[in-house]
Amino acid sequence: MFNLNTLVRPNILALEAYSSARDEFSGSEGIFLDANENPFGNLNRYPDPLQKELKQKLSAIKSVDTGNIFTGNGSDEAIDLCFRIFCKPGKDKALIFTPTYGMYEVSANVNNIELIKVELDSNFQIDSDTAKDALEDNMIKLIFICSPNNPTGNTINNVEDIVKSFNGIVVVDEAYADFSNTSLIDKIDVYPNLIILQTLSKSWGLAAARIGIAFASADIIKLFNKVKPPYNISRLNYTAAVDALDKLEIYKLQKSTIISEREKLTAALANLPMVKKVYPSQANFLLIQVTDADKIYNALAAKNIIIRNRNKVVNNCLRISVGTPQENQELVAALKTIES
């Protein structure tokens, strides 16, 4: 039977969270002499540490209770918190399926957590038998699954089976889920070991604002809020996020345009002699296998068209973000001038 407290580091269970001045008084009116702020200016006050308005808007859009929502300084903050809360440095382990998002490994290394890597199969899916063998290691406390996966772009199958069978924490990173219309967010009440990560960086167009979101059981969210810094989102970024969430029609239009352009770009790239394969994508980018990744990357960079060279991660592959219609046309035109 799943018991969250057995997974949490003892020092985190015993931790007394920092109580900021704005935790003790949450009103918006009054003479504020409690937080050692400068009394002058427009940005002189600390932001709301509870981020109430942002969580209320996310709650309405995602149909999730505010008590099941954590908002942080990008998804990277939530990733780091998972290691800090659930894994004892130098003792516990975490597992990822490769190739995948590189910050899982960086954060594991920062927190001195051994990272077990299990390769995805030739279709970039999890091999159930291989995963089962790896999970026999009872020191693994944390699993990260990116779906749709970065850099491959595909949705990962059988994720729910792993959540059901694993007695530790499963983090499903859905940074690109809005482009696939698939999500396990409605399962957080079913599986107490499930954490869903999403972001406003991709489909909402707020990469510069660094707003990451975790959806999980209320008990896990309480742990996140207990460990996070009190003012982890600046007021400027907070305001940008709240404003964006009020503009649903713009979000829907931009998302629809990106998906449409993704399909057009897929077809155009597939017709180029240098492109050996365009991998199916449910994200806002494409992974393509080419004749010579390094050469093509450098040739495009010389034309001030910057893509991502993933040759060291997936042999002879490039990752291309879907741009505006004009940017995508210029990319294809530039590729046509490069000898394959």
C-alpha atoms as a PDB file:
ATOM      1  CA  MET A   1       0.000   0.000   0.000  1.00  0.00           C
ATOM      2  CA  PHE A   2       1.349   3.413  -0.976  1.00  0.00           C
ATOM      3  CA  ASN A   3       2.575   5.504   1.953  1.00  0.00           C
ATOM      4  CA  LEU A   4       3.861   8.959   0.993  1.00  0.00           C
ATOM      5  CA  ASN A   5       5.651   9.565   4.289  1.00  0.00           C
ATOM      6  CA  THR A   6       7.940   6.573   3.760  1.00  0.00           C
ATOM      7  CA  LEU A   7       9.222   8.202   0.556  1.00  0.00           C
ATOM      8  CA  VAL A   8       9.840  11.684   1.941  1.00  0.00           C
ATOM      9  CA  ARG A   9      13.288  12.440   3.341  1.00  0.00           C
ATOM     10  CA  PRO A  10      13.089  12.579   7.161  1.00  0.00           C
ATOM     11  CA  ASN A  11      14.617  16.061   7.293  1.00  0.00           C
ATOM     12  CA  ILE A  12      11.882  17.309   4.941  1.00  0.00           C
ATOM     13  CA  LEU A  13       9.152  15.765   7.094  1.00  0.00           C
ATOM     14  CA  ALA A  14      10.663  17.511  10.116  1.00  0.00           C
ATOM     15  CA  LEU A  15      11.243  20.792   8.284  1.00  0.00           C
ATOM     16  CA  GLU A  16       9.447  23.873   9.543  1.00  0.00           C
ATOM     17  CA  ALA A  17       8.710  26.007   6.499  1.00  0.00           C
ATOM     18  CA  TYR A  18       9.814  29.630   6.422  1.00  0.00           C
ATOM     19  CA  SER A  19       6.929  31.931   7.281  1.00  0.00           C
ATOM     20  CA  SER A  20       7.106  35.206   5.366  1.00  0.00           C
ATOM     21  CA  ALA A  21       5.430  38.423   6.428  1.00  0.00           C
ATOM     22  CA  ARG A  22       2.844  37.956   3.683  1.00  0.00           C
ATOM     23  CA  ASP A  23       2.024  34.481   4.943  1.00  0.00           C
ATOM     24  CA  GLU A  24       1.043  35.988   8.276  1.00  0.00           C
ATOM     25  CA  PHE A  25      -1.084  38.761   6.739  1.00  0.00           C
ATOM     26  CA  SER A  26      -2.667  38.156   3.349  1.00  0.00           C
ATOM     27  CA  GLY A  27      -4.797  41.289   2.969  1.00  0.00           C
ATOM     28  CA  SER A  28      -4.210  43.821   0.202  1.00  0.00           C
ATOM     29  CA  GLU A  29      -5.062  47.017   2.065  1.00  0.00           C
ATOM     30  CA  GLY A  30      -3.247  48.694   4.934  1.00  0.00           C
ATOM     31  CA  ILE A  31      -0.006  50.329   6.003  1.00  0.00           C
ATOM     32  CA  PHE A  32       2.609  47.643   5.352  1.00  0.00           C
ATOM     33  CA  LEU A  33       5.521  47.865   7.788  1.00  0.00           C
ATOM     34  CA  ASP A  34       6.054  44.129   8.197  1.00  0.00           C
ATOM     35  CA  ALA A  35       8.437  42.935   5.436  1.00  0.00           C
ATOM     36  CA  ASN A  36      11.339  45.426   5.479  1.00  0.00           C
ATOM     37  CA  GLU A  37      10.373  46.697   2.030  1.00  0.00           C
ATOM     38  CA  ASN A  38      11.158  50.072   0.518  1.00  0.00           C
ATOM     39  CA  PRO A  39       7.934  52.113   0.978  1.00  0.00           C
ATOM     40  CA  PHE A  40       8.413  53.844  -2.400  1.00  0.00           C
ATOM     41  CA  GLY A  41       7.951  52.628  -5.973  1.00  0.00           C
ATOM     42  CA  ASN A  42       5.781  50.347  -8.112  1.00  0.00           C
ATOM     43  CA  LEU A  43       7.680  47.085  -7.573  1.00  0.00           C
ATOM     44  CA  ASN A  44       8.646  47.667  -3.957  1.00  0.00           C
ATOM     45  CA  ARG A  45       6.323  45.050  -2.443  1.00  0.00           C
ATOM     46  CA  TYR A  46       6.978  41.313  -2.314  1.00  0.00           C
ATOM     47  CA  PRO A  47       4.636  39.212  -4.478  1.00  0.00           C
ATOM     48  CA  ASP A  48       1.921  36.968  -3.048  1.00  0.00           C
ATOM     49  CA  PRO A  49       3.776  33.867  -1.763  1.00  0.00           C
ATOM     50  CA  LEU A  50       0.602  31.772  -2.132  1.00  0.00           C
ATOM     51  CA  GLN A  51       0.023  32.890  -5.752  1.00  0.00           C
ATOM     52  CA  LYS A  52      -3.729  32.713  -5.212  1.00  0.00           C
ATOM     53  CA  GLU A  53      -4.956  34.456  -8.374  1.00  0.00           C
ATOM     54  CA  LEU A  54      -2.700  32.417 -10.654  1.00  0.00           C
ATOM     55  CA  LYS A  55      -3.784  29.142  -9.077  1.00  0.00           C
ATOM     56  CA  GLN A  56      -7.448  30.112  -9.289  1.00  0.00           C
ATOM     57  CA  LYS A  57      -7.158  30.756 -13.033  1.00  0.00           C
ATOM     58  CA  LEU A  58      -5.262  27.501 -13.580  1.00  0.00           C
ATOM     59  CA  SER A  59      -7.880  25.688 -11.506  1.00  0.00           C
ATOM     60  CA  ALA A  60     -10.662  26.969 -13.752  1.00  0.00           C
ATOM     61  CA  ILE A  61      -8.833  26.105 -16.988  1.00  0.00           C
ATOM     62  CA  LYS A  62      -7.515  22.690 -15.936  1.00  0.00           C
ATOM     63  CA  SER A  63     -10.496  21.630 -13.770  1.00  0.00           C
ATOM     64  CA  VAL A  64      -8.161  20.923 -10.863  1.00  0.00           C
ATOM     65  CA  ASP A  65      -8.605  22.097  -7.272  1.00  0.00           C
ATOM     66  CA  THR A  66      -6.217  24.863  -6.219  1.00  0.00           C
ATOM     67  CA  GLY A  67      -4.927  22.599  -3.440  1.00  0.00           C
ATOM     68  CA  ASN A  68      -3.567  20.278  -6.127  1.00  0.00           C
ATOM     69  CA  ILE A  69      -1.545  22.994  -7.881  1.00  0.00           C
ATOM     70  CA  PHE A  70       2.027  24.179  -7.329  1.00  0.00           C
ATOM     71  CA  THR A  71       3.419  27.073  -9.355  1.00  0.00           C
ATOM     72  CA  GLY A  72       7.130  27.686  -9.533  1.00  0.00           C
ATOM     73  CA  ASN A  73      10.081  29.245 -11.305  1.00  0.00           C
ATOM     74  CA  GLY A  74       9.840  27.086 -14.410  1.00  0.00           C
ATOM     75  CA  SER A  75       9.367  23.323 -14.441  1.00  0.00           C
ATOM     76  CA  ASP A  76      13.040  23.076 -13.487  1.00  0.00           C
ATOM     77  CA  GLU A  77      12.184  24.237  -9.961  1.00  0.00           C
ATOM     78  CA  ALA A  78       9.600  21.464  -9.604  1.00  0.00           C
ATOM     79  CA  ILE A  79      12.086  18.899 -10.963  1.00  0.00           C
ATOM     80  CA  ASP A  80      14.671  19.981  -8.398  1.00  0.00           C
ATOM     81  CA  LEU A  81      12.093  19.893  -5.590  1.00  0.00           C
ATOM     82  CA  CYS A  82      11.248  16.286  -6.460  1.00  0.00           C
ATOM     83  CA  PHE A  83      14.855  15.264  -5.882  1.00  0.00           C
ATOM     84  CA  ARG A  84      15.169  17.326  -2.712  1.00  0.00           C
ATOM     85  CA  ILE A  85      11.944  15.995  -1.192  1.00  0.00           C
ATOM     86  CA  PHE A  86      12.039  12.313  -2.154  1.00  0.00           C
ATOM     87  CA  CYS A  87      15.677  11.273  -2.622  1.00  0.00           C
ATOM     88  CA  LYS A  88      18.401  11.020   0.022  1.00  0.00           C
ATOM     89  CA  PRO A  89      21.687  12.294  -1.466  1.00  0.00           C
ATOM     90  CA  GLY A  90      24.260   9.586  -2.043  1.00  0.00           C
ATOM     91  CA  LYS A  91      21.782   6.832  -1.253  1.00  0.00           C
ATOM     92  CA  ASP A  92      18.538   6.865  -3.256  1.00  0.00           C
ATOM     93  CA  LYS A  93      18.248   6.603  -7.043  1.00  0.00           C
ATOM     94  CA  ALA A  94      16.048   7.954  -9.815  1.00  0.00           C
ATOM     95  CA  LEU A  95      15.230   6.553 -13.255  1.00  0.00           C
ATOM     96  CA  ILE A  96      14.760   8.117 -16.666  1.00  0.00           C
ATOM     97  CA  PHE A  97      14.105   6.760 -20.162  1.00  0.00           C
ATOM     98  CA  THR A  98      16.576   8.068 -22.724  1.00  0.00           C
ATOM     99  CA  PRO A  99      16.865  10.074 -24.867  1.00  0.00           C
ATOM    100  CA  THR A 100      14.933  12.660 -22.896  1.00  0.00           C
ATOM    101  CA  TYR A 101      15.041  16.146 -21.372  1.00  0.00           C
ATOM    102  CA  GLY A 102      18.539  16.856 -20.082  1.00  0.00           C
ATOM    103  CA  MET A 103      17.610  18.703 -16.880  1.00  0.00           C
ATOM    104  CA  TYR A 104      16.594  15.479 -15.124  1.00  0.00           C
ATOM    105  CA  GLU A 105      20.218  14.374 -15.225  1.00  0.00           C
ATOM    106  CA  VAL A 106      21.593  17.791 -14.295  1.00  0.00           C
ATOM    107  CA  SER A 107      19.270  18.051 -11.301  1.00  0.00           C
ATOM    108  CA  ALA A 108      20.108  14.502 -10.219  1.00  0.00           C
ATOM    109  CA  ASN A 109      23.811  15.343 -10.316  1.00  0.00           C
ATOM    110  CA  VAL A 110      23.315  18.589  -8.385  1.00  0.00           C
ATOM    111  CA  ASN A 111      21.462  16.643  -5.686  1.00  0.00           C
ATOM    112  CA  ASN A 112      23.978  13.771  -5.674  1.00  0.00           C
ATOM    113  CA  ILE A 113      21.385  11.210  -6.767  1.00  0.00           C
ATOM    114  CA  GLU A 114      22.429   8.244  -8.903  1.00  0.00           C
ATOM    115  CA  LEU A 115      20.459   8.254 -12.137  1.00  0.00           C
ATOM    116  CA  ILE A 116      19.508   4.966 -13.799  1.00  0.00           C
ATOM    117  CA  LYS A 117      19.080   5.321 -17.566  1.00  0.00           C
ATOM    118  CA  VAL A 118      16.898   2.931 -19.560  1.00  0.00           C
ATOM    119  CA  GLU A 119      16.969   3.339 -23.333  1.00  0.00           C
ATOM    120  CA  LEU A 120      13.739   3.733 -25.240  1.00  0.00           C
ATOM    121  CA  ASP A 121      13.196   1.233 -28.049  1.00  0.00           C
ATOM    122  CA  SER A 122      13.576   1.957 -31.775  1.00  0.00           C
ATOM    123  CA  ASN A 123      10.169   3.666 -31.792  1.00  0.00           C
ATOM    124  CA  PHE A 124      11.153   5.791 -28.777  1.00  0.00           C
ATOM    125  CA  GLN A 125       8.762   3.871 -26.535  1.00  0.00           C
ATOM    126  CA  ILE A 126       9.314   2.206 -23.164  1.00  0.00           C
ATOM    127  CA  ASP A 127      10.060  -1.500 -23.366  1.00  0.00           C
ATOM    128  CA  SER A 128       7.966  -2.983 -20.550  1.00  0.00           C
ATOM    129  CA  ASP A 129      10.331  -5.881 -19.823  1.00  0.00           C
ATOM    130  CA  THR A 130      13.416  -3.663 -19.684  1.00  0.00           C
ATOM    131  CA  ALA A 131      11.629  -1.189 -17.425  1.00  0.00           C
ATOM    132  CA  LYS A 132      10.430  -3.986 -15.145  1.00  0.00           C
ATOM    133  CA  ASP A 133      13.976  -5.316 -14.761  1.00  0.00           C
ATOM    134  CA  ALA A 134      15.343  -1.857 -13.922  1.00  0.00           C
ATOM    135  CA  LEU A 135      12.651  -1.230 -11.326  1.00  0.00           C
ATOM    136  CA  GLU A 136      13.658  -4.275  -9.322  1.00  0.00           C
ATOM    137  CA  ASP A 137      16.212  -1.941  -7.725  1.00  0.00           C
ATOM    138  CA  ASN A 138      14.354  -0.897  -4.572  1.00  0.00           C
ATOM    139  CA  MET A 139      16.593   2.159  -4.115  1.00  0.00           C
ATOM    140  CA  ILE A 140      14.804   3.864  -7.021  1.00  0.00           C
ATOM    141  CA  LYS A 141      12.411   6.379  -5.468  1.00  0.00           C
ATOM    142  CA  LEU A 142      11.664   8.597  -8.437  1.00  0.00           C
ATOM    143  CA  ILE A 143      10.857   8.107 -12.129  1.00  0.00           C
ATOM    144  CA  PHE A 144      10.731  10.881 -14.742  1.00  0.00           C
ATOM    145  CA  ILE A 145       8.796  10.328 -17.971  1.00  0.00           C
ATOM    146  CA  CYS A 146       8.593  13.111 -20.539  1.00  0.00           C
ATOM    147  CA  SER A 147       5.493  12.783 -22.719  1.00  0.00           C
ATOM    148  CA  PRO A 148       5.407  14.061 -25.406  1.00  0.00           C
ATOM    149  CA  ASN A 149       9.095  13.362 -25.148  1.00  0.00           C
ATOM    150  CA  ASN A 150      11.900  15.814 -25.780  1.00  0.00           C
ATOM    151  CA  PRO A 151      13.749  15.504 -28.174  1.00  0.00           C
ATOM    152  CA  THR A 152      11.748  12.794 -29.967  1.00  0.00           C
ATOM    153  CA  GLY A 153       8.319  14.486 -30.003  1.00  0.00           C
ATOM    154  CA  ASN A 154       6.211  11.364 -29.482  1.00  0.00           C
ATOM    155  CA  THR A 155       3.729  10.585 -26.726  1.00  0.00           C
ATOM    156  CA  ILE A 156       4.971   7.740 -24.520  1.00  0.00           C
ATOM    157  CA  ASN A 157       2.706   4.683 -24.274  1.00  0.00           C
ATOM    158  CA  ASN A 158       1.930   2.670 -21.143  1.00  0.00           C
ATOM    159  CA  VAL A 159       2.803   5.472 -18.721  1.00  0.00           C
ATOM    160  CA  GLU A 160      -0.209   4.708 -16.557  1.00  0.00           C
ATOM    161  CA  ASP A 161       0.909   1.088 -16.209  1.00  0.00           C
ATOM    162  CA  ILE A 162       4.174   2.281 -14.658  1.00  0.00           C
ATOM    163  CA  VAL A 163       2.327   4.628 -12.296  1.00  0.00           C
ATOM    164  CA  LYS A 164       0.118   1.738 -11.164  1.00  0.00           C
ATOM    165  CA  SER A 165       2.946  -0.721 -10.599  1.00  0.00           C
ATOM    166  CA  PHE A 166       5.627   1.513  -9.058  1.00  0.00           C
ATOM    167  CA  ASN A 167       5.561   2.164  -5.327  1.00  0.00           C
ATOM    168  CA  GLY A 168       7.582   5.370  -5.612  1.00  0.00           C
ATOM    169  CA  ILE A 169       6.932   8.757  -7.202  1.00  0.00           C
ATOM    170  CA  VAL A 170       6.288   8.992 -10.956  1.00  0.00           C
ATOM    171  CA  VAL A 171       6.751  12.431 -12.507  1.00  0.00           C
ATOM    172  CA  VAL A 172       5.140  12.797 -15.935  1.00  0.00           C
ATOM    173  CA  ASP A 173       6.509  15.886 -17.637  1.00  0.00           C
ATOM    174  CA  GLU A 174       3.783  17.165 -19.954  1.00  0.00           C
ATOM    175  CA  ALA A 175       5.477  20.363 -21.110  1.00  0.00           C
ATOM    176  CA  TYR A 176       4.202  19.702 -24.661  1.00  0.00           C
ATOM    177  CA  ALA A 177       0.881  18.056 -23.815  1.00  0.00           C
ATOM    178  CA  ASP A 178      -1.219  20.953 -25.152  1.00  0.00           C
ATOM    179  CA  PHE A 179      -0.001  20.103 -28.646  1.00  0.00           C
ATOM    180  CA  SER A 180      -1.045  16.459 -28.316  1.00  0.00           C
ATOM    181  CA  ASN A 181      -4.309  16.863 -26.384  1.00  0.00           C
ATOM    182  CA  THR A 182      -3.258  13.982 -24.147  1.00  0.00           C
ATOM    183  CA  SER A 183      -2.717  14.238 -20.414  1.00  0.00           C
ATOM    184  CA  LEU A 184      -2.891  12.253 -17.185  1.00  0.00           C
ATOM    185  CA  ILE A 185      -3.886  15.306 -15.189  1.00  0.00           C
ATOM    186  CA  ASP A 186      -7.302  13.792 -14.488  1.00  0.00           C
ATOM    187  CA  LYS A 187      -5.563  10.853 -12.761  1.00  0.00           C
ATOM    188  CA  ILE A 188      -3.944  12.759  -9.874  1.00  0.00           C
ATOM    189  CA  ASP A 189      -6.897  11.876  -7.639  1.00  0.00           C
ATOM    190  CA  VAL A 190      -6.556   8.220  -8.644  1.00  0.00           C
ATOM    191  CA  TYR A 191      -2.797   7.778  -8.123  1.00  0.00           C
ATOM    192  CA  PRO A 192      -1.277   9.338  -4.982  1.00  0.00           C
ATOM    193  CA  ASN A 193       2.230   8.762  -6.382  1.00  0.00           C
ATOM    194  CA  LEU A 194       1.646  10.760  -9.595  1.00  0.00           C
ATOM    195  CA  ILE A 195       3.019  14.245 -10.273  1.00  0.00           C
ATOM    196  CA  ILE A 196       2.163  16.015 -13.537  1.00  0.00           C
ATOM    197  CA  LEU A 197       4.430  18.824 -14.723  1.00  0.00           C
ATOM    198  CA  GLN A 198       3.213  21.429 -17.181  1.00  0.00           C
ATOM    199  CA  THR A 199       4.403  24.888 -18.165  1.00  0.00           C
ATOM    200  CA  LEU A 200       3.322  28.217 -19.593  1.00  0.00           C
ATOM    201  CA  SER A 201       6.534  28.357 -21.676  1.00  0.00           C
ATOM    202  CA  LYS A 202       5.301  26.441 -24.720  1.00  0.00           C
ATOM    203  CA  SER A 203       1.678  26.718 -25.867  1.00  0.00           C
ATOM    204  CA  TRP A 204       1.085  29.842 -23.753  1.00  0.00           C
ATOM    205  CA  GLY A 205       4.129  31.638 -25.182  1.00  0.00           C
ATOM    206  CA  LEU A 206       5.645  32.676 -21.839  1.00  0.00           C
ATOM    207  CA  ALA A 207       9.106  31.086 -21.933  1.00  0.00           C
ATOM    208  CA  ALA A 208      10.700  34.307 -20.670  1.00  0.00           C
ATOM    209  CA  ALA A 209       8.395  34.430 -17.646  1.00  0.00           C
ATOM    210  CA  ARG A 210       9.524  31.020 -16.315  1.00  0.00           C
ATOM    211  CA  ILE A 211       6.229  29.689 -14.963  1.00  0.00           C
ATOM    212  CA  GLY A 212       6.174  25.949 -14.249  1.00  0.00           C
ATOM    213  CA  ILE A 213       3.264  24.020 -12.767  1.00  0.00           C
ATOM    214  CA  ALA A 214       2.986  20.777 -10.837  1.00  0.00           C
ATOM    215  CA  PHE A 215      -0.325  18.976 -10.331  1.00  0.00           C
ATOM    216  CA  ALA A 216      -0.458  16.297  -7.652  1.00  0.00           C
ATOM    217  CA  SER A 217      -2.203  15.167  -4.494  1.00  0.00           C
ATOM    218  CA  ALA A 218      -2.749  17.858  -1.870  1.00  0.00           C
ATOM    219  CA  ASP A 219      -0.204  16.122   0.377  1.00  0.00           C
ATOM    220  CA  ILE A 220       2.534  16.336  -2.266  1.00  0.00           C
ATOM    221  CA  ILE A 221       1.684  19.965  -3.055  1.00  0.00           C
ATOM    222  CA  LYS A 222       2.013  20.805   0.648  1.00  0.00           C
ATOM    223  CA  LEU A 223       5.532  19.358   0.563  1.00  0.00           C
ATOM    224  CA  PHE A 224       6.417  21.451  -2.502  1.00  0.00           C
ATOM    225  CA  ASN A 225       5.154  24.614  -0.800  1.00  0.00           C
ATOM    226  CA  LYS A 226       7.002  23.698   2.379  1.00  0.00           C
ATOM    227  CA  VAL A 227      10.392  23.449   0.633  1.00  0.00           C
ATOM    228  CA  LYS A 228      10.160  26.177  -2.012  1.00  0.00           C
ATOM    229  CA  PRO A 229      11.537  29.688  -1.412  1.00  0.00           C
ATOM    230  CA  PRO A 230       8.759  31.992  -0.139  1.00  0.00           C
ATOM    231  CA  TYR A 231       8.754  34.307  -3.165  1.00  0.00           C
ATOM    232  CA  ASN A 232       9.736  31.964  -5.978  1.00  0.00           C
ATOM    233  CA  ILE A 233       7.841  33.826  -8.734  1.00  0.00           C
ATOM    234  CA  SER A 234       8.479  37.523  -9.311  1.00  0.00           C
ATOM    235  CA  ARG A 235       5.553  39.915  -9.526  1.00  0.00           C
ATOM    236  CA  LEU A 236       6.433  40.793 -13.132  1.00  0.00           C
ATOM    237  CA  ASN A 237       6.309  37.143 -14.203  1.00  0.00           C
ATOM    238  CA  TYR A 238       3.252  36.491 -12.074  1.00  0.00           C
ATOM    239  CA  THR A 239       1.365  39.371 -13.714  1.00  0.00           C
ATOM    240  CA  ALA A 240       2.359  38.165 -17.182  1.00  0.00           C
ATOM    241  CA  ALA A 241       1.025  34.686 -16.373  1.00  0.00           C
ATOM    242  CA  VAL A 242      -2.280  35.946 -14.970  1.00  0.00           C
ATOM    243  CA  ASP A 243      -2.788  38.202 -17.999  1.00  0.00           C
ATOM    244  CA  ALA A 244      -2.036  35.376 -20.457  1.00  0.00           C
ATOM    245  CA  LEU A 245      -4.497  33.012 -18.783  1.00  0.00           C
ATOM    246  CA  ASP A 246      -7.218  35.612 -19.370  1.00  0.00           C
ATOM    247  CA  LYS A 247      -6.607  35.447 -23.133  1.00  0.00           C
ATOM    248  CA  LEU A 248      -7.840  31.969 -23.968  1.00  0.00           C
ATOM    249  CA  GLU A 249      -8.772  32.818 -27.554  1.00  0.00           C
ATOM    250  CA  ILE A 250      -5.226  33.971 -28.336  1.00  0.00           C
ATOM    251  CA  TYR A 251      -3.837  30.809 -26.749  1.00  0.00           C
ATOM    252  CA  LYS A 252      -6.181  28.608 -28.807  1.00  0.00           C
ATOM    253  CA  LEU A 253      -5.375  30.414 -32.054  1.00  0.00           C
ATOM    254  CA  GLN A 254      -1.624  30.222 -31.552  1.00  0.00           C
ATOM    255  CA  LYS A 255      -1.752  26.567 -30.556  1.00  0.00           C
ATOM    256  CA  SER A 256      -3.877  25.730 -33.588  1.00  0.00           C
ATOM    257  CA  THR A 257      -1.479  27.604 -35.865  1.00  0.00           C
ATOM    258  CA  ILE A 258       1.544  25.784 -34.463  1.00  0.00           C
ATOM    259  CA  ILE A 259      -0.104  22.377 -34.939  1.00  0.00           C
ATOM    260  CA  SER A 260      -1.099  23.264 -38.508  1.00  0.00           C
ATOM    261  CA  GLU A 261       2.418  24.527 -39.285  1.00  0.00           C
ATOM    262  CA  ARG A 262       3.899  21.380 -37.747  1.00  0.00           C
ATOM    263  CA  GLU A 263       2.038  19.254 -40.280  1.00  0.00           C
ATOM    264  CA  LYS A 264       3.011  21.496 -43.193  1.00  0.00           C
ATOM    265  CA  LEU A 265       6.650  21.495 -42.097  1.00  0.00           C
ATOM    266  CA  THR A 266       6.601  17.713 -41.726  1.00  0.00           C
ATOM    267  CA  ALA A 267       5.492  17.324 -45.339  1.00  0.00           C
ATOM    268  CA  ALA A 268       7.976  19.877 -46.659  1.00  0.00           C
ATOM    269  CA  LEU A 269      10.951  18.368 -44.833  1.00  0.00           C
ATOM    270  CA  ALA A 270      10.050  14.835 -45.893  1.00  0.00           C
ATOM    271  CA  ASN A 271      10.494  15.877 -49.539  1.00  0.00           C
ATOM    272  CA  LEU A 272      14.085  17.066 -49.084  1.00  0.00           C
ATOM    273  CA  PRO A 273      16.837  14.666 -50.282  1.00  0.00           C
ATOM    274  CA  MET A 274      18.965  15.296 -47.173  1.00  0.00           C
ATOM    275  CA  VAL A 275      16.146  14.224 -44.838  1.00  0.00           C
ATOM    276  CA  LYS A 276      16.080  10.476 -44.264  1.00  0.00           C
ATOM    277  CA  LYS A 277      13.220  10.473 -41.750  1.00  0.00           C
ATOM    278  CA  VAL A 278      10.834  12.877 -40.049  1.00  0.00           C
ATOM    279  CA  TYR A 279       9.782  11.334 -36.757  1.00  0.00           C
ATOM    280  CA  PRO A 280       6.095  11.634 -35.837  1.00  0.00           C
ATOM    281  CA  SER A 281       5.609  14.519 -33.411  1.00  0.00           C
ATOM    282  CA  GLN A 282       2.893  15.555 -31.000  1.00  0.00           C
ATOM    283  CA  ALA A 283       4.917  18.487 -29.712  1.00  0.00           C
ATOM    284  CA  ASN A 284       5.810  21.904 -31.155  1.00  0.00           C
ATOM    285  CA  PHE A 285       9.000  20.601 -32.733  1.00  0.00           C
ATOM    286  CA  LEU A 286      10.196  17.930 -35.147  1.00  0.00           C
ATOM    287  CA  LEU A 287      13.067  15.484 -34.858  1.00  0.00           C
ATOM    288  CA  ILE A 288      14.533  14.662 -38.251  1.00  0.00           C
ATOM    289  CA  GLN A 289      17.228  12.205 -39.282  1.00  0.00           C
ATOM    290  CA  VAL A 290      19.487  13.649 -41.952  1.00  0.00           C
ATOM    291  CA  THR A 291      22.501  12.681 -44.037  1.00  0.00           C
ATOM    292  CA  ASP A 292      24.970  14.818 -42.077  1.00  0.00           C
ATOM    293  CA  ALA A 293      23.604  16.584 -38.994  1.00  0.00           C
ATOM    294  CA  ASP A 294      26.737  18.570 -38.160  1.00  0.00           C
ATOM    295  CA  LYS A 295      27.142  19.879 -41.695  1.00  0.00           C
ATOM    296  CA  ILE A 296      23.497  20.904 -42.054  1.00  0.00           C
ATOM    297  CA  TYR A 297      23.400  22.532 -38.627  1.00  0.00           C
ATOM    298  CA  ASN A 298      26.496  24.612 -39.385  1.00  0.00           C
ATOM    299  CA  ALA A 299      25.220  25.592 -42.826  1.00  0.00           C
ATOM    300  CA  LEU A 300      21.944  26.841 -41.357  1.00  0.00           C
ATOM    301  CA  ALA A 301      23.726  28.683 -38.538  1.00  0.00           C
ATOM    302  CA  ALA A 302      25.803  30.481 -41.163  1.00  0.00           C
ATOM    303  CA  LYS A 303      22.501  31.747 -42.565  1.00  0.00           C
ATOM    304  CA  ASN A 304      21.377  32.833 -39.054  1.00  0.00           C
ATOM    305  CA  ILE A 305      18.824  30.034 -38.850  1.00  0.00           C
ATOM    306  CA  ILE A 306      19.357  28.328 -35.517  1.00  0.00           C
ATOM    307  CA  ILE A 307      18.040  24.828 -34.879  1.00  0.00           C
ATOM    308  CA  ARG A 308      19.208  22.222 -32.331  1.00  0.00           C
ATOM    309  CA  ASN A 309      21.864  19.688 -33.229  1.00  0.00           C
ATOM    310  CA  ARG A 310      20.941  16.441 -31.434  1.00  0.00           C
ATOM    311  CA  ASN A 311      23.588  14.331 -33.178  1.00  0.00           C
ATOM    312  CA  LYS A 312      25.233  13.379 -29.884  1.00  0.00           C
ATOM    313  CA  VAL A 313      21.877  12.290 -28.437  1.00  0.00           C
ATOM    314  CA  VAL A 314      20.228  10.634 -31.458  1.00  0.00           C
ATOM    315  CA  ASN A 315      22.585   9.796 -34.313  1.00  0.00           C
ATOM    316  CA  ASN A 316      22.490  12.272 -37.216  1.00  0.00           C
ATOM    317  CA  CYS A 317      19.358  13.970 -35.934  1.00  0.00           C
ATOM    318  CA  LEU A 318      18.311  17.605 -35.752  1.00  0.00           C
ATOM    319  CA  ARG A 319      15.499  19.086 -33.689  1.00  0.00           C
ATOM    320  CA  ILE A 320      13.542  21.903 -35.290  1.00  0.00           C
ATOM    321  CA  SER A 321      11.071  24.077 -33.400  1.00  0.00           C
ATOM    322  CA  VAL A 322       7.961  25.011 -35.361  1.00  0.00           C
ATOM    323  CA  GLY A 323       8.200  28.717 -36.139  1.00  0.00           C
ATOM    324  CA  THR A 324       5.867  31.206 -37.757  1.00  0.00           C
ATOM    325  CA  PRO A 325       4.694  30.390 -41.289  1.00  0.00           C
ATOM    326  CA  GLN A 326       7.285  32.816 -42.672  1.00  0.00           C
ATOM    327  CA  GLU A 327      10.097  31.354 -40.546  1.00  0.00           C
ATOM    328  CA  ASN A 328       9.209  27.819 -41.601  1.00  0.00           C
ATOM    329  CA  GLN A 329       9.224  28.815 -45.275  1.00  0.00           C
ATOM    330  CA  GLU A 330      12.644  30.441 -44.889  1.00  0.00           C
ATOM    331  CA  LEU A 331      13.977  27.327 -43.155  1.00  0.00           C
ATOM    332  CA  VAL A 332      12.852  25.019 -45.974  1.00  0.00           C
ATOM    333  CA  ALA A 333      14.190  27.430 -48.612  1.00  0.00           C
ATOM    334  CA  ALA A 334      17.555  27.518 -46.850  1.00  0.00           C
ATOM    335  CA  LEU A 335      17.716  23.735 -46.608  1.00  0.00           C
ATOM    336  CA  LYS A 336      17.134  23.462 -50.339  1.00  0.00           C
ATOM    337  CA  THR A 337      20.341  25.419 -50.960  1.00  0.00           C
ATOM    338  CA  ILE A 338      22.478  23.033 -48.896  1.00  0.00           C
ATOM    339  CA  GLU A 339      24.059  20.105 -50.711  1.00  0.00           C
ATOM    340  CA  SER A 340      23.045  16.794 -49.142  1.00  0.00           C
END
